[in-house]
Amino acid sequence: MPTMKIVTLFSMLHLFTFLSFAQTFPLSNMEATRWVKEGEWNNGWKITPHKSINCTEFQQQYHKNKDVWDRVFHFLANNDLSTLSIGKHSIIDNRCWAIVSEYTPKNLEEGNIESHRKFIDLQYVIRGKEYMGIAKRANVRNEYNEKRDVAFYNSKKIKYYSADNNTFFLFFPSDIHQPSVCKKQTNDINRKIVIKVEYL
């Protein structure tokens, strides 16, 4: 009887270790894409992730920092984003926060091309339309500023994606991106939420 209990306990411990390892072990790109589409992470927020998102990075960051990501998607699902006040909204002190803004998108030549090291950008256009650019190649224009967590770039090799209220974007530290731009001059006022999520 004691031997049986030891075997059962060992089996349960082995299963727990396997499941814990499986959650954090990097999935293949195909498996990570399937994980993103299945939406176990969304906490009730039904907006579609944009096709440009690095699914493998998203899956890894979610499982490394699940408590923060769950709070982020709970915040998005349980607030009326169309009426949320302009400005900063703390979600978890120093780990993630939301910034709501209203603005006219800049022309492509004027929009900042940037990257971050400490925080991931979740960007969602609540109202309006714009383009999000991801640079294929870039040269540093302003070196990384640790206090502001940003570096700026010049690039002539950028792929642009249309952004509206149907999809959200995620920009990880490896994503040199140019948000909030338009291809034709406009006076339209966009409303956007950007959530800064700590990068682990």
Protein backbone atom coordinates (compact mmCIF):
# COMPACT_ATOMS: atom_id res chain seq x y z
CA MET A 1 0.00 0.00 0.00
CA PRO A 2 2.71 2.57 0.86
CA THR A 3 4.46 1.66 -2.41
CA MET A 4 1.26 2.33 -4.35
CA LYS A 5 0.90 5.76 -2.70
CA ILE A 6 4.50 6.63 -3.57
CA VAL A 7 3.99 5.60 -7.20
CA THR A 8 0.76 7.65 -7.41
CA LEU A 9 2.43 10.68 -5.83
CA PHE A 10 5.41 10.39 -8.19
CA SER A 11 3.07 10.16 -11.21
CA MET A 12 1.13 13.25 -10.13
CA LEU A 13 4.36 15.20 -9.58
CA HIS A 14 5.63 14.15 -13.01
CA LEU A 15 2.36 15.25 -14.66
CA PHE A 16 2.41 18.62 -12.86
CA THR A 17 6.03 19.22 -13.93
CA PHE A 18 5.20 18.30 -17.53
CA LEU A 19 2.18 20.63 -17.66
CA SER A 20 4.13 23.52 -16.13
CA PHE A 21 6.96 22.98 -18.59
CA ALA A 22 4.54 22.72 -21.52
CA GLN A 23 3.02 26.10 -20.68
CA THR A 24 6.33 27.95 -20.85
CA PHE A 25 8.21 25.94 -23.45
CA PRO A 26 8.25 27.80 -26.78
CA LEU A 27 5.65 26.47 -29.18
CA SER A 28 6.29 26.14 -32.89
CA ASN A 29 5.07 29.06 -34.97
CA MET A 30 2.10 26.98 -36.17
CA GLU A 31 1.18 25.93 -32.61
CA ALA A 32 1.55 29.50 -31.32
CA THR A 33 -0.65 30.81 -34.16
CA ARG A 34 -3.30 28.24 -33.24
CA TRP A 35 -3.01 29.26 -29.56
CA VAL A 36 -3.60 32.92 -30.47
CA LYS A 37 -6.62 32.08 -32.65
CA GLU A 38 -8.20 29.92 -29.94
CA GLY A 39 -8.26 32.98 -27.68
CA GLU A 40 -7.84 31.39 -24.24
CA TRP A 41 -5.95 34.56 -23.28
CA ASN A 42 -8.63 37.16 -24.18
CA ASN A 43 -10.58 37.26 -20.88
CA GLY A 44 -13.76 38.23 -22.70
CA TRP A 45 -12.27 40.88 -25.00
CA LYS A 46 -13.29 39.68 -28.45
CA ILE A 47 -11.22 41.97 -30.68
CA THR A 48 -9.14 40.05 -33.25
CA PRO A 49 -5.33 40.10 -32.98
CA HIS A 50 -3.77 41.55 -36.14
CA LYS A 51 -2.02 39.12 -38.50
CA SER A 52 1.29 41.00 -38.05
CA ILE A 53 1.58 39.95 -34.38
CA ASN A 54 4.49 37.67 -33.48
CA CYS A 55 2.39 34.79 -32.13
CA THR A 56 5.34 32.89 -30.63
CA GLU A 57 6.47 35.95 -28.69
CA PHE A 58 2.91 36.64 -27.55
CA GLN A 59 2.43 33.08 -26.30
CA GLN A 60 5.73 33.14 -24.39
CA GLN A 61 5.13 36.55 -22.82
CA TYR A 62 1.58 35.62 -21.83
CA HIS A 63 2.69 32.51 -19.94
CA LYS A 64 5.68 34.25 -18.36
CA ASN A 65 3.48 37.10 -17.12
CA LYS A 66 -0.04 35.67 -17.05
CA ASP A 67 -1.32 37.73 -14.12
CA VAL A 68 -0.49 40.98 -15.93
CA TRP A 69 -1.91 39.93 -19.31
CA ASP A 70 -5.11 38.68 -17.68
CA ARG A 71 -5.56 42.06 -15.99
CA VAL A 72 -4.91 43.84 -19.29
CA PHE A 73 -7.58 41.92 -21.20
CA HIS A 74 -10.00 42.15 -18.26
CA PHE A 75 -9.52 45.95 -18.33
CA LEU A 76 -10.22 46.07 -22.08
CA ALA A 77 -13.27 43.82 -21.81
CA ASN A 78 -14.86 45.59 -18.85
CA ASN A 79 -14.47 49.27 -19.70
CA ASP A 80 -16.36 51.34 -22.26
CA LEU A 81 -13.36 52.40 -24.32
CA SER A 82 -15.39 54.97 -26.23
CA THR A 83 -16.03 57.00 -23.06
CA LEU A 84 -12.92 56.23 -20.98
CA SER A 85 -11.28 59.51 -19.98
CA ILE A 86 -8.31 60.83 -21.95
CA GLY A 87 -5.01 60.19 -20.19
CA LYS A 88 -3.28 57.50 -18.16
CA HIS A 89 -5.09 54.67 -16.34
CA SER A 90 -3.05 52.45 -14.02
CA ILE A 91 -3.74 48.72 -14.29
CA ILE A 92 -0.91 47.32 -12.13
CA ASP A 93 1.53 49.84 -10.63
CA ASN A 94 4.74 50.10 -12.66
CA ARG A 95 3.93 46.91 -14.58
CA CYS A 96 1.18 47.98 -16.98
CA TRP A 97 -1.01 50.97 -17.68
CA ALA A 98 -3.32 52.30 -20.37
CA ILE A 99 -3.09 55.63 -22.20
CA VAL A 100 -6.19 56.94 -24.00
CA SER A 101 -5.61 59.67 -26.58
CA GLU A 102 -7.39 61.53 -29.37
CA TYR A 103 -5.36 62.96 -32.26
CA THR A 104 -5.09 63.50 -36.00
CA PRO A 105 -2.81 60.88 -37.60
CA LYS A 106 0.46 62.26 -38.96
CA ASN A 107 1.69 61.98 -42.53
CA LEU A 108 4.08 59.08 -43.12
CA GLU A 109 7.06 61.44 -43.34
CA GLU A 110 6.27 62.98 -39.93
CA GLY A 111 5.41 59.94 -37.82
CA ASN A 112 7.98 58.64 -35.36
CA ILE A 113 9.57 55.24 -36.00
CA GLU A 114 10.35 53.74 -32.61
CA SER A 115 11.05 50.73 -30.42
CA HIS A 116 10.95 49.95 -26.70
CA ARG A 117 12.92 47.59 -24.47
CA LYS A 118 11.10 47.41 -21.14
CA PHE A 119 7.47 47.48 -22.26
CA ILE A 120 5.34 45.93 -24.99
CA ASP A 121 2.84 48.15 -26.81
CA LEU A 122 -0.72 46.93 -27.22
CA GLN A 123 -2.35 49.43 -29.61
CA TYR A 124 -6.03 49.51 -30.48
CA VAL A 125 -7.78 52.19 -32.55
CA ILE A 126 -11.14 52.68 -30.85
CA ARG A 127 -12.46 55.16 -33.40
CA GLY A 128 -11.07 56.16 -36.79
CA LYS A 129 -8.60 54.66 -39.23
CA GLU A 130 -4.84 54.89 -39.58
CA TYR A 131 -1.79 52.87 -40.56
CA MET A 132 0.69 50.99 -38.42
CA GLY A 133 4.14 50.47 -39.93
CA ILE A 134 6.69 47.80 -39.10
CA ALA A 135 10.23 48.54 -40.31
CA LYS A 136 12.14 45.80 -42.11
CA ARG A 137 15.40 47.75 -41.88
CA ALA A 138 16.18 50.90 -39.90
CA ASN A 139 18.98 53.22 -38.81
CA VAL A 140 19.09 54.72 -35.33
CA ARG A 141 18.13 58.40 -35.28
CA ASN A 142 18.08 58.89 -31.50
CA GLU A 143 19.77 56.36 -29.23
CA TYR A 144 17.72 54.47 -26.66
CA ASN A 145 16.52 56.66 -23.78
CA GLU A 146 16.16 54.43 -20.72
CA LYS A 147 14.01 56.89 -18.78
CA ARG A 148 11.47 57.17 -21.63
CA ASP A 149 12.01 53.56 -22.80
CA VAL A 150 12.26 54.56 -26.44
CA ALA A 151 14.68 54.75 -29.35
CA PHE A 152 13.88 56.51 -32.64
CA TYR A 153 14.85 55.47 -36.16
CA ASN A 154 14.93 56.39 -39.83
CA SER A 155 13.73 53.81 -42.33
CA LYS A 156 12.67 53.62 -45.95
CA LYS A 157 11.78 49.94 -45.70
CA ILE A 158 8.46 49.84 -43.81
CA LYS A 159 5.45 47.60 -44.32
CA TYR A 160 2.16 49.36 -43.51
CA TYR A 161 -1.02 47.77 -42.21
CA SER A 162 -4.46 49.31 -42.01
CA ALA A 163 -5.66 49.78 -38.42
CA ASP A 164 -9.25 50.27 -37.24
CA ASN A 165 -11.53 49.02 -34.47
CA ASN A 166 -11.62 45.44 -35.78
CA THR A 167 -8.10 44.44 -34.74
CA PHE A 168 -5.42 45.23 -32.17
CA PHE A 169 -1.63 45.29 -32.60
CA LEU A 170 1.19 44.12 -30.34
CA PHE A 171 4.69 45.57 -30.70
CA PHE A 172 7.48 43.72 -28.88
CA PRO A 173 11.03 45.05 -28.36
CA SER A 174 12.15 43.51 -31.66
CA ASP A 175 9.37 45.37 -33.54
CA ILE A 176 10.54 48.74 -34.83
CA HIS A 177 7.18 50.35 -35.49
CA GLN A 178 5.57 53.53 -36.77
CA PRO A 179 2.06 53.98 -35.36
CA SER A 180 -0.60 56.66 -35.85
CA VAL A 181 0.11 57.64 -39.45
CA CYS A 182 -1.96 58.23 -42.59
CA LYS A 183 -1.14 57.96 -46.30
CA LYS A 184 -3.34 60.91 -47.25
CA GLN A 185 -3.69 64.12 -45.27
CA THR A 186 -6.74 64.11 -43.04
CA ASN A 187 -8.36 66.23 -40.35
CA ASP A 188 -10.20 63.27 -38.82
CA ILE A 189 -9.76 62.74 -35.09
CA ASN A 190 -8.84 59.21 -34.05
CA ARG A 191 -9.31 57.74 -30.60
CA LYS A 192 -6.83 55.12 -29.46
CA ILE A 193 -5.82 53.13 -26.40
CA VAL A 194 -2.21 52.08 -25.92
CA ILE A 195 -1.44 49.66 -23.11
CA LYS A 196 2.13 49.36 -21.91
CA VAL A 197 2.86 45.80 -20.66
CA GLU A 198 6.12 44.91 -18.92
CA TYR A 199 8.42 42.74 -21.03
CA LEU A 200 9.98 39.70 -19.36
